[in-house]
Amino acid sequence: MYKGIINRFEEENAFVEMEWLTKKFSKSMFPAYAAVGDVVKIEGENAVVLAEETEKLRLETDEAWEE
C-alpha cells in the first residue's frame, strides 16, 4: 500500500508524492474525479481519494498561507 498526494498528471500517468520521493502510476488507476492535491491511498491496481484527509490538508495549507 502507498499513500501520498497527487502532484500532477501527464498524459496517461499520475505522479504521487510520498514522503521523500515521487512515484509514477497509471492514470487509469485513479477515479475520474481525482485532482492535483488530493490525498490518495493506492492498493494493488486501485487508487482511492481520501476525502477527509484531503480537506484537512487543504485547510492546513490555507491557514499557512494566511500567516
PDB file of N, CA and C in Angstrom:
ATOM      1  N   MET A   1       0.835  -1.175   0.000  1.00  0.00           N
ATOM      2  CA  MET A   1       0.000   0.000   0.000  1.00  0.00           C
ATOM      3  C   MET A   1       0.884   1.244   0.000  1.00  0.00           C
ATOM      4  N   TYR A   2       0.471   2.221  -0.789  1.00  0.00           N
ATOM      5  CA  TYR A   2       1.132   3.516  -0.839  1.00  0.00           C
ATOM      6  C   TYR A   2       0.124   4.584  -0.442  1.00  0.00           C
ATOM      7  N   LYS A   3       0.608   5.655   0.151  1.00  0.00           N
ATOM      8  CA  LYS A   3      -0.243   6.788   0.483  1.00  0.00           C
ATOM      9  C   LYS A   3       0.536   8.049   0.155  1.00  0.00           C
ATOM     10  N   GLY A   4      -0.112   8.984  -0.524  1.00  0.00           N
ATOM     11  CA  GLY A   4       0.578  10.204  -0.899  1.00  0.00           C
ATOM     12  C   GLY A   4      -0.373  11.252  -1.438  1.00  0.00           C
ATOM     13  N   ILE A   5       0.208  12.257  -2.071  1.00  0.00           N
ATOM     14  CA  ILE A   5      -0.540  13.391  -2.610  1.00  0.00           C
ATOM     15  C   ILE A   5      -0.293  13.457  -4.110  1.00  0.00           C
ATOM     16  N   ILE A   6      -1.366  13.599  -4.877  1.00  0.00           N
ATOM     17  CA  ILE A   6      -1.217  13.715  -6.332  1.00  0.00           C
ATOM     18  C   ILE A   6      -0.486  15.016  -6.640  1.00  0.00           C
ATOM     19  N   ASN A   7       0.645  14.898  -7.302  1.00  0.00           N
ATOM     20  CA  ASN A   7       1.466  16.053  -7.670  1.00  0.00           C
ATOM     21  C   ASN A   7       1.070  16.609  -9.028  1.00  0.00           C
ATOM     22  N   ARG A   8       0.834  15.695  -9.979  1.00  0.00           N
ATOM     23  CA  ARG A   8       0.484  16.137 -11.341  1.00  0.00           C
ATOM     24  C   ARG A   8       0.024  14.948 -12.170  1.00  0.00           C
ATOM     25  N   PHE A   9      -0.613  15.281 -13.289  1.00  0.00           N
ATOM     26  CA  PHE A   9      -0.978  14.296 -14.304  1.00  0.00           C
ATOM     27  C   PHE A   9      -0.247  14.678 -15.578  1.00  0.00           C
ATOM     28  N   GLU A  10       0.333  13.695 -16.244  1.00  0.00           N
ATOM     29  CA  GLU A  10       0.980  13.908 -17.549  1.00  0.00           C
ATOM     30  C   GLU A  10       0.563  12.761 -18.455  1.00  0.00           C
ATOM     31  N   GLU A  11      -0.122  13.102 -19.532  1.00  0.00           N
ATOM     32  CA  GLU A  11      -0.616  12.110 -20.482  1.00  0.00           C
ATOM     33  C   GLU A  11      -1.387  11.025 -19.738  1.00  0.00           C
ATOM     34  N   GLU A  12      -0.913   9.805 -19.747  1.00  0.00           N
ATOM     35  CA  GLU A  12      -1.622   8.693 -19.107  1.00  0.00           C
ATOM     36  C   GLU A  12      -1.051   8.337 -17.736  1.00  0.00           C
ATOM     37  N   ASN A  13      -0.282   9.253 -17.161  1.00  0.00           N
ATOM     38  CA  ASN A  13       0.378   8.984 -15.882  1.00  0.00           C
ATOM     39  C   ASN A  13      -0.068   9.949 -14.795  1.00  0.00           C
ATOM     40  N   ALA A  14      -0.045   9.465 -13.569  1.00  0.00           N
ATOM     41  CA  ALA A  14      -0.280  10.283 -12.378  1.00  0.00           C
ATOM     42  C   ALA A  14       0.984  10.192 -11.532  1.00  0.00           C
ATOM     43  N   PHE A  15       1.455  11.322 -11.045  1.00  0.00           N
ATOM     44  CA  PHE A  15       2.647  11.352 -10.213  1.00  0.00           C
ATOM     45  C   PHE A  15       2.224  11.680  -8.785  1.00  0.00           C
ATOM     46  N   VAL A  16       2.620  10.801  -7.852  1.00  0.00           N
ATOM     47  CA  VAL A  16       2.184  10.909  -6.459  1.00  0.00           C
ATOM     48  C   VAL A  16       3.406  11.097  -5.572  1.00  0.00           C
ATOM     49  N   GLU A  17       3.364  12.154  -4.749  1.00  0.00           N
ATOM     50  CA  GLU A  17       4.437  12.416  -3.793  1.00  0.00           C
ATOM     51  C   GLU A  17       4.206  11.580  -2.544  1.00  0.00           C
ATOM     52  N   MET A  18       5.269  10.863  -2.143  1.00  0.00           N
ATOM     53  CA  MET A  18       5.207  10.037  -0.940  1.00  0.00           C
ATOM     54  C   MET A  18       6.484  10.267  -0.158  1.00  0.00           C
ATOM     55  N   GLU A  19       6.362  10.919   0.971  1.00  0.00           N
ATOM     56  CA  GLU A  19       7.494  11.252   1.817  1.00  0.00           C
ATOM     57  C   GLU A  19       8.603  11.895   0.999  1.00  0.00           C
ATOM     58  N   TRP A  20       9.681  11.198   0.722  1.00  0.00           N
ATOM     59  CA  TRP A  20      10.831  11.809   0.058  1.00  0.00           C
ATOM     60  C   TRP A  20      10.968  11.433  -1.414  1.00  0.00           C
ATOM     61  N   LEU A  21       9.915  10.889  -2.011  1.00  0.00           N
ATOM     62  CA  LEU A  21      10.021  10.525  -3.415  1.00  0.00           C
ATOM     63  C   LEU A  21       8.697  10.719  -4.133  1.00  0.00           C
ATOM     64  N   THR A  22       8.782  10.768  -5.438  1.00  0.00           N
ATOM     65  CA  THR A  22       7.599  10.856  -6.293  1.00  0.00           C
ATOM     66  C   THR A  22       7.564   9.601  -7.145  1.00  0.00           C
ATOM     67  N   LYS A  23       6.402   8.924  -7.153  1.00  0.00           N
ATOM     68  CA  LYS A  23       6.252   7.698  -7.944  1.00  0.00           C
ATOM     69  C   LYS A  23       5.233   7.925  -9.056  1.00  0.00           C
ATOM     70  N   LYS A  24       5.457   7.245 -10.163  1.00  0.00           N
ATOM     71  CA  LYS A  24       4.570   7.331 -11.326  1.00  0.00           C
ATOM     72  C   LYS A  24       3.644   6.124 -11.330  1.00  0.00           C
ATOM     73  N   PHE A  25       2.352   6.404 -11.551  1.00  0.00           N
ATOM     74  CA  PHE A  25       1.333   5.358 -11.643  1.00  0.00           C
ATOM     75  C   PHE A  25       0.504   5.604 -12.894  1.00  0.00           C
ATOM     76  N   SER A  26      -0.169   4.573 -13.352  1.00  0.00           N
ATOM     77  CA  SER A  26      -1.080   4.720 -14.484  1.00  0.00           C
ATOM     78  C   SER A  26      -2.285   5.559 -14.047  1.00  0.00           C
ATOM     79  N   LYS A  27      -2.621   6.545 -14.846  1.00  0.00           N
ATOM     80  CA  LYS A  27      -3.768   7.413 -14.550  1.00  0.00           C
ATOM     81  C   LYS A  27      -5.065   6.609 -14.462  1.00  0.00           C
ATOM     82  N   SER A  28      -5.136   5.490 -15.154  1.00  0.00           N
ATOM     83  CA  SER A  28      -6.346   4.671 -15.163  1.00  0.00           C
ATOM     84  C   SER A  28      -6.650   4.061 -13.796  1.00  0.00           C
ATOM     85  N   MET A  29      -5.680   4.048 -12.889  1.00  0.00           N
ATOM     86  CA  MET A  29      -5.889   3.517 -11.542  1.00  0.00           C
ATOM     87  C   MET A  29      -6.720   4.455 -10.667  1.00  0.00           C
ATOM     88  N   PHE A  30      -6.802   5.718 -11.061  1.00  0.00           N
ATOM     89  CA  PHE A  30      -7.420   6.752 -10.238  1.00  0.00           C
ATOM     90  C   PHE A  30      -8.853   7.022 -10.676  1.00  0.00           C
ATOM     91  N   PRO A  31      -9.719   7.397  -9.731  1.00  0.00           N
ATOM     92  CA  PRO A  31     -11.084   7.765 -10.121  1.00  0.00           C
ATOM     93  C   PRO A  31     -11.056   9.006 -11.017  1.00  0.00           C
ATOM     94  N   ALA A  32     -12.056   9.148 -11.853  1.00  0.00           N
ATOM     95  CA  ALA A  32     -12.106  10.265 -12.805  1.00  0.00           C
ATOM     96  C   ALA A  32     -12.090  11.618 -12.107  1.00  0.00           C
ATOM     97  N   TYR A  33     -12.603  11.691 -10.887  1.00  0.00           N
ATOM     98  CA  TYR A  33     -12.678  12.971 -10.177  1.00  0.00           C
ATOM     99  C   TYR A  33     -11.388  13.317  -9.413  1.00  0.00           C
ATOM    100  N   ALA A  34     -10.392  12.436  -9.422  1.00  0.00           N
ATOM    101  CA  ALA A  34      -9.139  12.706  -8.707  1.00  0.00           C
ATOM    102  C   ALA A  34      -8.488  13.960  -9.276  1.00  0.00           C
ATOM    103  N   ALA A  35      -7.934  14.781  -8.365  1.00  0.00           N
ATOM    104  CA  ALA A  35      -7.350  16.058  -8.780  1.00  0.00           C
ATOM    105  C   ALA A  35      -5.990  16.252  -8.119  1.00  0.00           C
ATOM    106  N   VAL A  36      -5.198  17.144  -8.707  1.00  0.00           N
ATOM    107  CA  VAL A  36      -3.918  17.507  -8.126  1.00  0.00           C
ATOM    108  C   VAL A  36      -4.166  18.025  -6.707  1.00  0.00           C
ATOM    109  N   GLY A  37      -3.369  17.547  -5.763  1.00  0.00           N
ATOM    110  CA  GLY A  37      -3.505  17.944  -4.370  1.00  0.00           C
ATOM    111  C   GLY A  37      -4.317  16.981  -3.527  1.00  0.00           C
ATOM    112  N   ASP A  38      -4.983  16.025  -4.160  1.00  0.00           N
ATOM    113  CA  ASP A  38      -5.757  15.033  -3.407  1.00  0.00           C
ATOM    114  C   ASP A  38      -4.828  14.058  -2.695  1.00  0.00           C
ATOM    115  N   VAL A  39      -5.199  13.687  -1.472  1.00  0.00           N
ATOM    116  CA  VAL A  39      -4.502  12.631  -0.751  1.00  0.00           C
ATOM    117  C   VAL A  39      -5.108  11.313  -1.228  1.00  0.00           C
ATOM    118  N   VAL A  40      -4.242  10.374  -1.595  1.00  0.00           N
ATOM    119  CA  VAL A  40      -4.719   9.096  -2.125  1.00  0.00           C
ATOM    120  C   VAL A  40      -4.047   7.920  -1.434  1.00  0.00           C
ATOM    121  N   LYS A  41      -4.765   6.806  -1.438  1.00  0.00           N
ATOM    122  CA  LYS A  41      -4.232   5.526  -0.967  1.00  0.00           C
ATOM    123  C   LYS A  41      -4.260   4.591  -2.172  1.00  0.00           C
ATOM    124  N   ILE A  42      -3.131   3.958  -2.425  1.00  0.00           N
ATOM    125  CA  ILE A  42      -3.007   3.067  -3.576  1.00  0.00           C
ATOM    126  C   ILE A  42      -2.741   1.654  -3.066  1.00  0.00           C
ATOM    127  N   GLU A  43      -3.640   0.750  -3.435  1.00  0.00           N
ATOM    128  CA  GLU A  43      -3.506  -0.656  -3.079  1.00  0.00           C
ATOM    129  C   GLU A  43      -3.654  -1.475  -4.349  1.00  0.00           C
ATOM    130  N   GLY A  44      -2.616  -2.199  -4.685  1.00  0.00           N
ATOM    131  CA  GLY A  44      -2.661  -3.003  -5.907  1.00  0.00           C
ATOM    132  C   GLY A  44      -2.845  -2.112  -7.119  1.00  0.00           C
ATOM    133  N   GLU A  45      -3.909  -2.344  -7.862  1.00  0.00           N
ATOM    134  CA  GLU A  45      -4.189  -1.585  -9.085  1.00  0.00           C
ATOM    135  C   GLU A  45      -5.267  -0.531  -8.898  1.00  0.00           C
ATOM    136  N   ASN A  46      -5.598  -0.205  -7.644  1.00  0.00           N
ATOM    137  CA  ASN A  46      -6.664   0.764  -7.371  1.00  0.00           C
ATOM    138  C   ASN A  46      -6.178   1.898  -6.488  1.00  0.00           C
ATOM    139  N   ALA A  47      -6.608   3.098  -6.820  1.00  0.00           N
ATOM    140  CA  ALA A  47      -6.306   4.279  -6.015  1.00  0.00           C
ATOM    141  C   ALA A  47      -7.625   4.855  -5.504  1.00  0.00           C
ATOM    142  N   VAL A  48      -7.630   5.257  -4.246  1.00  0.00           N
ATOM    143  CA  VAL A  48      -8.821   5.816  -3.617  1.00  0.00           C
ATOM    144  C   VAL A  48      -8.465   7.197  -3.093  1.00  0.00           C
ATOM    145  N   VAL A  49      -9.313   8.184  -3.386  1.00  0.00           N
ATOM    146  CA  VAL A  49      -9.124   9.524  -2.843  1.00  0.00           C
ATOM    147  C   VAL A  49      -9.612   9.520  -1.402  1.00  0.00           C
ATOM    148  N   LEU A  50      -8.777   9.997  -0.497  1.00  0.00           N
ATOM    149  CA  LEU A  50      -9.128  10.090   0.917  1.00  0.00           C
ATOM    150  C   LEU A  50      -9.649  11.508   1.165  1.00  0.00           C
ATOM    151  N   ALA A  51     -10.967  11.668   1.029  1.00  0.00           N
ATOM    152  CA  ALA A  51     -11.594  12.994   1.038  1.00  0.00           C
ATOM    153  C   ALA A  51     -11.354  13.750   2.336  1.00  0.00           C
ATOM    154  N   GLU A  52     -11.490  13.094   3.475  1.00  0.00           N
ATOM    155  CA  GLU A  52     -11.316  13.788   4.752  1.00  0.00           C
ATOM    156  C   GLU A  52      -9.874  14.268   4.928  1.00  0.00           C
ATOM    157  N   GLU A  53      -8.924  13.443   4.574  1.00  0.00           N
ATOM    158  CA  GLU A  53      -7.516  13.838   4.686  1.00  0.00           C
ATOM    159  C   GLU A  53      -7.169  14.940   3.693  1.00  0.00           C
ATOM    160  N   THR A  54      -7.766  14.889   2.502  1.00  0.00           N
ATOM    161  CA  THR A  54      -7.537  15.933   1.511  1.00  0.00           C
ATOM    162  C   THR A  54      -8.057  17.269   2.028  1.00  0.00           C
ATOM    163  N   GLU A  55      -9.255  17.282   2.587  1.00  0.00           N
ATOM    164  CA  GLU A  55      -9.836  18.522   3.113  1.00  0.00           C
ATOM    165  C   GLU A  55      -8.996  19.068   4.263  1.00  0.00           C
ATOM    166  N   LYS A  56      -8.548  18.200   5.149  1.00  0.00           N
ATOM    167  CA  LYS A  56      -7.713  18.620   6.275  1.00  0.00           C
ATOM    168  C   LYS A  56      -6.418  19.257   5.769  1.00  0.00           C
ATOM    169  N   LEU A  57      -5.792  18.638   4.778  1.00  0.00           N
ATOM    170  CA  LEU A  57      -4.557  19.170   4.206  1.00  0.00           C
ATOM    171  C   LEU A  57      -4.799  20.531   3.568  1.00  0.00           C
ATOM    172  N   ARG A  58      -5.904  20.679   2.848  1.00  0.00           N
ATOM    173  CA  ARG A  58      -6.203  21.970   2.208  1.00  0.00           C
ATOM    174  C   ARG A  58      -6.420  23.065   3.247  1.00  0.00           C
ATOM    175  N   LEU A  59      -7.107  22.745   4.333  1.00  0.00           N
ATOM    176  CA  LEU A  59      -7.326  23.726   5.398  1.00  0.00           C
ATOM    177  C   LEU A  59      -5.999  24.126   6.041  1.00  0.00           C
ATOM    178  N   GLU A  60      -5.135  23.162   6.315  1.00  0.00           N
ATOM    179  CA  GLU A  60      -3.828  23.458   6.895  1.00  0.00           C
ATOM    180  C   GLU A  60      -2.993  24.327   5.957  1.00  0.00           C
ATOM    181  N   THR A  61      -3.054  24.029   4.667  1.00  0.00           N
ATOM    182  CA  THR A  61      -2.306  24.809   3.682  1.00  0.00           C
ATOM    183  C   THR A  61      -2.842  26.233   3.600  1.00  0.00           C
ATOM    184  N   ASP A  62      -4.161  26.385   3.586  1.00  0.00           N
ATOM    185  CA  ASP A  62      -4.768  27.718   3.537  1.00  0.00           C
ATOM    186  C   ASP A  62      -4.387  28.540   4.761  1.00  0.00           C
ATOM    187  N   GLU A  63      -4.400  27.908   5.929  1.00  0.00           N
ATOM    188  CA  GLU A  63      -4.028  28.612   7.162  1.00  0.00           C
ATOM    189  C   GLU A  63      -2.570  29.051   7.122  1.00  0.00           C
ATOM    190  N   ALA A  64      -1.701  28.203   6.584  1.00  0.00           N
ATOM    191  CA  ALA A  64      -0.274  28.546   6.499  1.00  0.00           C
ATOM    192  C   ALA A  64      -0.072  29.738   5.574  1.00  0.00           C
ATOM    193  N   TRP A  65      -0.827  29.817   4.484  1.00  0.00           N
ATOM    194  CA  TRP A  65      -0.688  30.938   3.555  1.00  0.00           C
ATOM    195  C   TRP A  65      -1.193  32.239   4.150  1.00  0.00           C
ATOM    196  N   GLU A  66      -2.154  32.143   5.089  1.00  0.00           N
ATOM    197  CA  GLU A  66      -2.691  33.340   5.713  1.00  0.00           C
ATOM    198  C   GLU A  66      -1.735  33.962   6.716  1.00  0.00           C
ATOM    199  N   GLU A  67      -0.792  33.175   7.237  1.00  0.00           N
ATOM    200  CA  GLU A  67       0.160  33.676   8.234  1.00  0.00           C
ATOM    201  C   GLU A  67       1.227  34.537   7.625  1.00  0.00           C
TER     202      GLU A  67
END
